[in-house]
């Protein structure tokens, strides 16, 4: 663990940040108060989701969306095997 004084950390900020990637870094103030420096983990968007492979084509998806907007989509009853029956 590397410990820097507040003054050292100000003068060598790039070094402090780079070193924090590989080992714990502490900045100590004159009164004895200490702060740990560590890199923040990147956060992904909640909208970043893995894709799903289906047999649907682009035209199938567009047709289904248009039907749902018109309210004219085919509605079926789900059978025992999860297949839609019409």
N, C-alpha and C. Protein backbone atom coordinates (compact mmCIF):
# COMPACT_ATOMS: atom_id res chain seq x y z
N UNK A 1 0.86 -1.18 0.00
CA UNK A 1 0.00 0.00 0.00
C UNK A 1 0.90 1.23 0.00
N UNK A 2 0.55 2.16 -0.88
CA UNK A 2 1.31 3.41 -0.98
C UNK A 2 0.51 4.51 -0.27
N UNK A 3 1.21 5.27 0.58
CA UNK A 3 0.58 6.38 1.31
C UNK A 3 1.22 7.68 0.83
N UNK A 4 0.38 8.63 0.46
CA UNK A 4 0.83 9.95 0.04
C UNK A 4 0.32 10.97 1.03
N UNK A 5 1.09 12.02 1.25
CA UNK A 5 0.56 13.16 1.99
C UNK A 5 -0.36 13.92 1.03
N UNK A 6 -1.19 14.78 1.58
CA UNK A 6 -2.08 15.58 0.74
C UNK A 6 -1.29 16.39 -0.29
N UNK A 7 -0.20 17.01 0.16
CA UNK A 7 0.63 17.83 -0.75
C UNK A 7 1.25 16.98 -1.85
N UNK A 8 1.76 15.80 -1.49
CA UNK A 8 2.33 14.91 -2.50
C UNK A 8 1.27 14.49 -3.52
N UNK A 9 0.09 14.15 -3.03
CA UNK A 9 -0.98 13.70 -3.91
C UNK A 9 -1.37 14.81 -4.89
N UNK A 10 -1.42 16.04 -4.43
CA UNK A 10 -1.73 17.15 -5.32
C UNK A 10 -0.68 17.29 -6.41
N UNK A 11 0.59 17.17 -6.04
CA UNK A 11 1.68 17.35 -7.00
C UNK A 11 1.80 16.17 -7.96
N UNK A 12 1.42 14.98 -7.52
CA UNK A 12 1.61 13.76 -8.32
C UNK A 12 0.27 13.06 -8.59
N UNK A 13 -0.74 13.82 -8.89
CA UNK A 13 -2.08 13.25 -9.04
C UNK A 13 -2.13 12.14 -10.08
N UNK A 14 -1.48 12.33 -11.23
CA UNK A 14 -1.48 11.29 -12.26
C UNK A 14 -0.86 10.00 -11.73
N UNK A 15 0.24 10.11 -11.01
CA UNK A 15 0.90 8.94 -10.43
C UNK A 15 -0.02 8.25 -9.42
N UNK A 16 -0.68 9.05 -8.59
CA UNK A 16 -1.60 8.50 -7.58
C UNK A 16 -2.70 7.69 -8.26
N UNK A 17 -3.31 8.27 -9.27
CA UNK A 17 -4.41 7.58 -9.96
C UNK A 17 -3.93 6.33 -10.67
N UNK A 18 -2.80 6.40 -11.35
CA UNK A 18 -2.27 5.23 -12.05
C UNK A 18 -1.91 4.12 -11.07
N UNK A 19 -1.28 4.48 -9.97
CA UNK A 19 -0.88 3.48 -8.98
C UNK A 19 -2.10 2.81 -8.36
N UNK A 20 -3.19 3.56 -8.19
CA UNK A 20 -4.39 3.00 -7.56
C UNK A 20 -5.00 1.87 -8.38
N UNK A 21 -4.63 1.77 -9.66
CA UNK A 21 -5.12 0.66 -10.49
C UNK A 21 -4.51 -0.67 -10.08
N UNK A 22 -3.30 -0.63 -9.51
CA UNK A 22 -2.59 -1.87 -9.22
C UNK A 22 -2.40 -2.17 -7.73
N UNK A 23 -2.57 -1.16 -6.89
CA UNK A 23 -2.39 -1.39 -5.45
C UNK A 23 -3.20 -0.35 -4.67
N UNK A 24 -3.47 -0.64 -3.40
CA UNK A 24 -4.20 0.34 -2.58
C UNK A 24 -3.39 1.63 -2.40
N UNK A 25 -4.08 2.75 -2.48
CA UNK A 25 -3.45 4.06 -2.31
C UNK A 25 -4.23 4.83 -1.25
N UNK A 26 -3.48 5.46 -0.34
CA UNK A 26 -4.11 6.25 0.72
C UNK A 26 -3.50 7.65 0.69
N UNK A 27 -4.37 8.65 0.84
CA UNK A 27 -3.93 10.03 0.96
C UNK A 27 -4.21 10.46 2.40
N UNK A 28 -3.16 10.92 3.08
CA UNK A 28 -3.29 11.29 4.49
C UNK A 28 -3.16 12.81 4.63
N UNK A 29 -4.13 13.39 5.33
CA UNK A 29 -4.09 14.83 5.59
C UNK A 29 -3.28 15.12 6.84
N UNK A 30 -2.96 16.36 7.02
CA UNK A 30 -2.12 16.80 8.15
C UNK A 30 -2.72 16.38 9.50
N UNK A 31 -4.03 16.45 9.63
CA UNK A 31 -4.67 16.10 10.90
C UNK A 31 -4.79 14.60 11.14
N UNK A 32 -4.30 13.78 10.20
CA UNK A 32 -4.35 12.33 10.37
C UNK A 32 -5.48 11.66 9.62
N UNK A 33 -6.42 12.44 9.12
CA UNK A 33 -7.54 11.88 8.37
C UNK A 33 -7.00 11.23 7.09
N UNK A 34 -7.48 10.02 6.76
CA UNK A 34 -6.97 9.28 5.60
C UNK A 34 -8.11 8.94 4.63
N UNK A 35 -7.76 8.94 3.36
CA UNK A 35 -8.72 8.63 2.30
C UNK A 35 -8.13 7.58 1.37
N UNK A 36 -8.90 6.59 1.06
CA UNK A 36 -8.47 5.55 0.14
C UNK A 36 -8.86 5.94 -1.28
N UNK A 37 -7.95 5.74 -2.24
CA UNK A 37 -8.21 6.05 -3.65
C UNK A 37 -8.31 4.73 -4.39
N UNK A 38 -9.40 4.54 -5.12
CA UNK A 38 -9.54 3.32 -5.92
C UNK A 38 -10.35 3.67 -7.18
N UNK A 39 -10.03 2.99 -8.28
CA UNK A 39 -10.75 3.27 -9.52
C UNK A 39 -12.20 2.78 -9.42
N UNK A 40 -13.08 3.51 -10.04
CA UNK A 40 -14.50 3.13 -10.06
C UNK A 40 -14.73 2.17 -11.20
N UNK A 41 -15.48 1.12 -10.94
CA UNK A 41 -15.79 0.14 -11.97
C UNK A 41 -16.76 0.77 -12.97
N UNK A 42 -16.53 0.53 -14.27
CA UNK A 42 -17.45 1.09 -15.25
C UNK A 42 -18.85 0.48 -15.09
N UNK A 43 -19.83 1.32 -15.24
CA UNK A 43 -21.21 0.87 -15.11
C UNK A 43 -21.86 0.88 -16.47
N UNK A 44 -22.47 -0.22 -16.82
CA UNK A 44 -23.17 -0.30 -18.09
C UNK A 44 -24.58 0.25 -17.97
N UNK A 45 -25.16 0.49 -19.09
CA UNK A 45 -26.53 0.97 -19.12
C UNK A 45 -27.48 -0.18 -18.79
N UNK A 46 -28.57 0.10 -18.08
CA UNK A 46 -29.56 -0.95 -17.84
C UNK A 46 -30.21 -1.42 -19.14
N UNK A 47 -30.00 -0.65 -20.20
CA UNK A 47 -30.56 -1.04 -21.50
C UNK A 47 -29.61 -1.95 -22.28
N UNK A 48 -28.40 -2.16 -21.76
CA UNK A 48 -27.46 -3.09 -22.40
C UNK A 48 -27.86 -4.51 -22.03
N UNK A 49 -28.58 -5.16 -22.91
CA UNK A 49 -29.01 -6.53 -22.67
C UNK A 49 -28.53 -7.42 -23.80
N UNK A 50 -28.32 -8.67 -23.49
CA UNK A 50 -27.88 -9.60 -24.50
C UNK A 50 -29.01 -9.88 -25.47
N UNK A 51 -28.65 -10.07 -26.73
CA UNK A 51 -29.63 -10.36 -27.76
C UNK A 51 -30.16 -11.78 -27.64
N UNK A 52 -31.29 -12.01 -28.27
CA UNK A 52 -31.92 -13.32 -28.28
C UNK A 52 -32.10 -13.73 -29.73
N UNK A 53 -31.71 -14.96 -30.03
CA UNK A 53 -31.87 -15.45 -31.40
C UNK A 53 -33.27 -16.05 -31.54
N UNK A 54 -33.96 -15.63 -32.59
CA UNK A 54 -35.28 -16.18 -32.89
C UNK A 54 -35.32 -16.50 -34.37
N UNK A 55 -36.38 -17.15 -34.78
CA UNK A 55 -36.57 -17.44 -36.19
C UNK A 55 -37.30 -16.31 -36.89
N UNK A 56 -37.59 -15.23 -36.17
CA UNK A 56 -38.36 -14.13 -36.73
C UNK A 56 -37.49 -13.29 -37.65
N UNK A 57 -38.06 -12.91 -38.77
CA UNK A 57 -37.37 -12.02 -39.69
C UNK A 57 -37.75 -10.58 -39.36
N UNK A 58 -37.07 -9.65 -39.98
CA UNK A 58 -37.40 -8.23 -39.77
C UNK A 58 -38.83 -7.96 -40.19
N UNK A 59 -39.25 -8.53 -41.31
CA UNK A 59 -40.63 -8.30 -41.76
C UNK A 59 -41.64 -8.90 -40.80
N UNK A 60 -41.32 -10.05 -40.16
CA UNK A 60 -42.21 -10.64 -39.15
C UNK A 60 -42.38 -9.68 -37.97
N UNK A 61 -41.28 -9.11 -37.54
CA UNK A 61 -41.33 -8.21 -36.38
C UNK A 61 -42.11 -6.94 -36.72
N UNK A 62 -41.84 -6.36 -37.89
CA UNK A 62 -42.54 -5.13 -38.30
C UNK A 62 -44.04 -5.41 -38.43
N UNK A 63 -44.40 -6.55 -39.05
CA UNK A 63 -45.82 -6.90 -39.21
C UNK A 63 -46.49 -7.05 -37.84
N UNK A 64 -45.82 -7.71 -36.92
CA UNK A 64 -46.38 -7.92 -35.59
C UNK A 64 -46.59 -6.60 -34.85
N UNK A 65 -45.62 -5.70 -34.97
CA UNK A 65 -45.76 -4.39 -34.33
C UNK A 65 -46.93 -3.63 -34.93
N UNK A 66 -47.04 -3.63 -36.26
CA UNK A 66 -48.15 -2.93 -36.91
C UNK A 66 -49.49 -3.51 -36.51
N UNK A 67 -49.58 -4.83 -36.45
CA UNK A 67 -50.83 -5.47 -36.04
C UNK A 67 -51.19 -5.11 -34.61
N UNK A 68 -50.18 -5.08 -33.73
CA UNK A 68 -50.48 -4.76 -32.33
C UNK A 68 -50.94 -3.31 -32.17
N UNK A 69 -50.40 -2.43 -33.01
CA UNK A 69 -50.83 -1.02 -32.94
C UNK A 69 -52.25 -0.85 -33.45
N UNK A 70 -52.63 -1.65 -34.42
CA UNK A 70 -54.00 -1.58 -34.95
C UNK A 70 -54.97 -2.37 -34.09
N UNK A 71 -54.44 -3.27 -33.27
CA UNK A 71 -55.31 -4.11 -32.45
C UNK A 71 -55.92 -5.24 -33.27
N UNK A 72 -55.29 -5.59 -34.38
CA UNK A 72 -55.84 -6.63 -35.24
C UNK A 72 -54.97 -7.89 -35.24
N UNK A 73 -54.07 -7.98 -34.30
CA UNK A 73 -53.18 -9.14 -34.26
C UNK A 73 -53.93 -10.42 -33.97
N UNK A 74 -53.39 -11.53 -34.42
CA UNK A 74 -54.02 -12.82 -34.15
C UNK A 74 -53.74 -13.20 -32.72
N UNK A 75 -54.79 -13.47 -31.99
CA UNK A 75 -54.62 -13.88 -30.60
C UNK A 75 -55.00 -15.34 -30.51
N UNK A 76 -54.11 -16.12 -29.93
CA UNK A 76 -54.37 -17.54 -29.81
C UNK A 76 -54.33 -17.98 -28.37
N UNK A 77 -54.65 -19.24 -28.17
CA UNK A 77 -54.61 -19.83 -26.85
C UNK A 77 -53.36 -20.69 -26.78
N UNK A 78 -52.63 -20.59 -25.69
CA UNK A 78 -51.40 -21.34 -25.57
C UNK A 78 -51.73 -22.78 -25.22
N UNK A 79 -51.16 -23.72 -25.97
CA UNK A 79 -51.38 -25.15 -25.75
C UNK A 79 -50.46 -25.68 -24.66
N UNK A 80 -50.48 -26.99 -24.47
CA UNK A 80 -49.69 -27.64 -23.43
C UNK A 80 -48.19 -27.46 -23.63
N UNK A 81 -47.74 -27.37 -24.86
CA UNK A 81 -46.32 -27.29 -25.15
C UNK A 81 -45.85 -25.85 -25.37
N UNK A 82 -46.65 -24.86 -25.02
CA UNK A 82 -46.27 -23.48 -25.21
C UNK A 82 -46.44 -23.00 -26.63
N UNK A 83 -47.13 -23.80 -27.47
CA UNK A 83 -47.37 -23.39 -28.85
C UNK A 83 -48.73 -22.73 -28.95
N UNK A 84 -48.81 -21.69 -29.73
CA UNK A 84 -50.07 -20.97 -29.88
C UNK A 84 -50.97 -21.73 -30.84
N UNK A 85 -52.21 -21.93 -30.40
CA UNK A 85 -53.19 -22.60 -31.25
C UNK A 85 -54.20 -21.58 -31.73
N UNK A 86 -54.56 -21.65 -33.01
CA UNK A 86 -55.53 -20.69 -33.59
C UNK A 86 -56.77 -21.40 -33.98
